[in-house]
C-alpha atoms as a PDB file:
ATOM      1  CA  MET A   1       9.139 -14.461   8.480  1.00  0.00           C
ATOM      2  CA  ASN A   2      11.549 -14.315   5.565  1.00  0.00           C
ATOM      3  CA  THR A   3      10.930 -11.071   3.694  1.00  0.00           C
ATOM      4  CA  SER A   4      13.866 -11.254   1.329  1.00  0.00           C
ATOM      5  CA  HIS A   5      11.521 -11.963  -1.596  1.00  0.00           C
ATOM      6  CA  ALA A   6       8.638  -9.809  -0.431  1.00  0.00           C
ATOM      7  CA  SER A   7       7.468  -7.087  -2.786  1.00  0.00           C
ATOM      8  CA  THR A   8       7.138  -3.569  -1.531  1.00  0.00           C
ATOM      9  CA  PHE A   9       5.103  -0.921  -3.256  1.00  0.00           C
ATOM     10  CA  SER A  10       5.108   2.831  -2.895  1.00  0.00           C
ATOM     11  CA  LEU A  11       1.295   2.795  -2.903  1.00  0.00           C
ATOM     12  CA  SER A  12      -1.221   0.199  -1.734  1.00  0.00           C
ATOM     13  CA  LEU A  13      -4.885   0.718  -2.540  1.00  0.00           C
ATOM     14  CA  ILE A  14      -7.176  -1.407  -0.364  1.00  0.00           C
ATOM     15  CA  VAL A  15     -10.732  -1.680  -1.663  1.00  0.00           C
ATOM     16  CA  PRO A  16     -13.625  -3.536  -0.019  1.00  0.00           C
ATOM     17  CA  MET A  17     -15.909  -5.194  -2.563  1.00  0.00           C
ATOM     18  CA  TYR A  18     -19.508  -6.317  -2.120  1.00  0.00           C
ATOM     19  CA  ASN A  19     -21.782  -7.111  -5.064  1.00  0.00           C
ATOM     20  CA  GLU A  20     -19.590  -5.174  -7.474  1.00  0.00           C
ATOM     21  CA  GLU A  21     -19.677  -7.493 -10.496  1.00  0.00           C
ATOM     22  CA  LYS A  22     -21.302  -4.828 -12.688  1.00  0.00           C
ATOM     23  CA  ASN A  23     -18.906  -2.087 -11.565  1.00  0.00           C
ATOM     24  CA  LEU A  24     -15.517  -3.781 -11.797  1.00  0.00           C
ATOM     25  CA  ASP A  25     -14.686  -2.854 -15.385  1.00  0.00           C
ATOM     26  CA  MET A  26     -15.381   0.819 -14.773  1.00  0.00           C
ATOM     27  CA  PHE A  27     -13.621   0.717 -11.396  1.00  0.00           C
ATOM     28  CA  PHE A  28     -10.399  -0.714 -12.807  1.00  0.00           C
ATOM     29  CA  SER A  29     -10.496   1.547 -15.838  1.00  0.00           C
ATOM     30  CA  ARG A  30     -10.741   4.645 -13.672  1.00  0.00           C
ATOM     31  CA  VAL A  31      -8.451   3.640 -10.835  1.00  0.00           C
ATOM     32  CA  LEU A  32      -5.683   2.393 -13.121  1.00  0.00           C
ATOM     33  CA  ALA A  33      -5.691   5.696 -14.997  1.00  0.00           C
ATOM     34  CA  VAL A  34      -5.247   7.592 -11.728  1.00  0.00           C
ATOM     35  CA  LEU A  35      -2.612   5.239 -10.333  1.00  0.00           C
ATOM     36  CA  ALA A  36      -0.584   5.432 -13.546  1.00  0.00           C
ATOM     37  CA  LYS A  37      -0.316   9.195 -13.049  1.00  0.00           C
ATOM     38  CA  LEU A  38       0.787   8.818  -9.430  1.00  0.00           C
ATOM     39  CA  THR A  39       3.350   6.033  -9.521  1.00  0.00           C
ATOM     40  CA  PRO A  40       4.287   2.948 -11.527  1.00  0.00           C
ATOM     41  CA  ASP A  41       4.869   1.120  -8.247  1.00  0.00           C
ATOM     42  CA  TYR A  42       1.462   0.222  -6.799  1.00  0.00           C
ATOM     43  CA  GLU A  43      -0.714  -2.676  -5.746  1.00  0.00           C
ATOM     44  CA  ILE A  44      -4.484  -2.977  -5.575  1.00  0.00           C
ATOM     45  CA  LEU A  45      -5.869  -5.211  -2.838  1.00  0.00           C
ATOM     46  CA  CYS A  46      -9.540  -6.028  -3.408  1.00  0.00           C
ATOM     47  CA  ILE A  47     -11.242  -7.533  -0.395  1.00  0.00           C
ATOM     48  CA  ASN A  48     -14.348  -9.489  -1.353  1.00  0.00           C
ATOM     49  CA  ASP A  49     -16.754  -9.151   1.548  1.00  0.00           C
ATOM     50  CA  GLY A  50     -18.831 -12.276   0.927  1.00  0.00           C
ATOM     51  CA  SER A  51     -20.572 -11.121  -2.226  1.00  0.00           C
ATOM     52  CA  PRO A  52     -23.287 -13.529  -3.361  1.00  0.00           C
ATOM     53  CA  ASP A  53     -22.824 -12.370  -6.972  1.00  0.00           C
ATOM     54  CA  THR A  54     -19.831 -13.120  -9.187  1.00  0.00           C
ATOM     55  CA  THR A  55     -17.554 -10.392  -7.800  1.00  0.00           C
ATOM     56  CA  VAL A  56     -14.903 -12.838  -6.601  1.00  0.00           C
ATOM     57  CA  GLU A  57     -14.864 -14.745  -9.889  1.00  0.00           C
ATOM     58  CA  LYS A  58     -14.470 -11.519 -11.858  1.00  0.00           C
ATOM     59  CA  LEU A  59     -11.670 -10.369  -9.531  1.00  0.00           C
ATOM     60  CA  LEU A  60      -9.851 -13.657 -10.042  1.00  0.00           C
ATOM     61  CA  GLU A  61     -10.271 -13.371 -13.823  1.00  0.00           C
ATOM     62  CA  TYR A  62      -8.963  -9.821 -13.718  1.00  0.00           C
ATOM     63  CA  ARG A  63      -5.968 -10.866 -11.629  1.00  0.00           C
ATOM     64  CA  GLN A  64      -5.116 -13.657 -14.064  1.00  0.00           C
ATOM     65  CA  SER A  65      -5.341 -11.444 -17.127  1.00  0.00           C
ATOM     66  CA  ASN A  66      -3.457  -8.544 -15.492  1.00  0.00           C
ATOM     67  CA  ALA A  67      -0.665 -10.281 -13.644  1.00  0.00           C
ATOM     68  CA  ALA A  68       2.279  -8.159 -12.537  1.00  0.00           C
ATOM     69  CA  ARG A  69       4.761  -7.712 -15.335  1.00  0.00           C
END
Protein backbone atom coordinates (compact mmCIF):
# COMPACT_ATOMS: atom_id res chain seq x y z
CA MET A 1 0.00 0.00 0.00
CA ASN A 2 1.38 3.39 -0.97
CA THR A 3 0.93 5.73 1.98
CA SER A 4 2.90 8.66 0.64
CA HIS A 5 -0.32 10.65 0.14
CA ALA A 6 -2.18 9.31 3.15
CA SER A 7 -3.40 11.84 5.68
CA THR A 8 -2.57 11.38 9.31
CA PHE A 9 -4.42 13.09 12.10
CA SER A 10 -3.50 13.61 15.72
CA LEU A 11 -7.05 12.63 16.72
CA SER A 12 -9.59 10.30 15.12
CA LEU A 13 -13.13 10.24 16.47
CA ILE A 14 -15.05 7.13 15.42
CA VAL A 15 -18.80 7.38 15.91
CA PRO A 16 -21.38 4.67 15.19
CA MET A 17 -24.63 6.10 13.83
CA TYR A 18 -28.08 4.51 13.81
CA ASN A 19 -31.25 6.52 13.20
CA GLU A 20 -29.54 9.78 14.07
CA GLU A 21 -31.03 12.07 11.42
CA LYS A 22 -32.64 14.32 14.04
CA ASN A 23 -29.49 14.51 16.18
CA LEU A 24 -26.77 15.20 13.61
CA ASP A 25 -26.89 19.00 13.71
CA MET A 26 -26.57 19.08 17.48
CA PHE A 27 -23.93 16.34 17.44
CA PHE A 28 -21.67 18.16 14.99
CA SER A 29 -22.20 21.49 16.68
CA ARG A 30 -21.11 20.10 20.03
CA VAL A 31 -18.33 17.79 18.91
CA LEU A 32 -16.72 20.36 16.61
CA ALA A 33 -16.60 22.88 19.46
CA VAL A 34 -14.78 20.35 21.65
CA LEU A 35 -12.42 19.18 18.93
CA ALA A 36 -11.47 22.76 18.06
CA LYS A 37 -10.27 23.22 21.64
CA LEU A 38 -8.22 20.01 21.55
CA THR A 39 -6.47 20.11 18.20
CA PRO A 40 -6.86 21.53 14.70
CA ASP A 41 -5.72 18.18 13.32
CA TYR A 42 -8.63 15.75 13.62
CA GLU A 43 -10.95 13.54 11.62
CA ILE A 44 -14.47 12.35 12.38
CA LEU A 45 -15.40 8.92 11.06
CA CYS A 46 -19.15 8.33 11.18
CA ILE A 47 -20.14 4.72 10.69
CA ASN A 48 -23.73 4.38 9.52
CA ASP A 49 -25.01 1.12 10.95
CA GLY A 50 -27.80 0.46 8.44
CA SER A 51 -30.12 3.25 9.51
CA PRO A 52 -33.50 3.07 7.78
CA ASP A 53 -33.93 6.85 8.19
CA THR A 54 -31.98 9.52 6.32
CA THR A 55 -28.86 9.42 8.51
CA VAL A 56 -26.56 8.41 5.66
CA GLU A 57 -27.93 11.07 3.32
CA LYS A 58 -27.47 13.76 5.97
CA LEU A 59 -23.92 12.55 6.67
CA LEU A 60 -23.09 12.75 2.98
CA GLU A 61 -24.57 16.26 2.77
CA TYR A 62 -22.56 17.30 5.80
CA ARG A 63 -19.37 15.86 4.33
CA GLN A 64 -19.91 17.73 1.07
CA SER A 65 -20.58 21.06 2.75
CA ASN A 66 -17.71 20.66 5.25
CA ALA A 67 -14.93 19.24 3.14
CA ALA A 68 -11.41 19.44 4.53
CA ARG A 69 -9.86 22.80 3.85
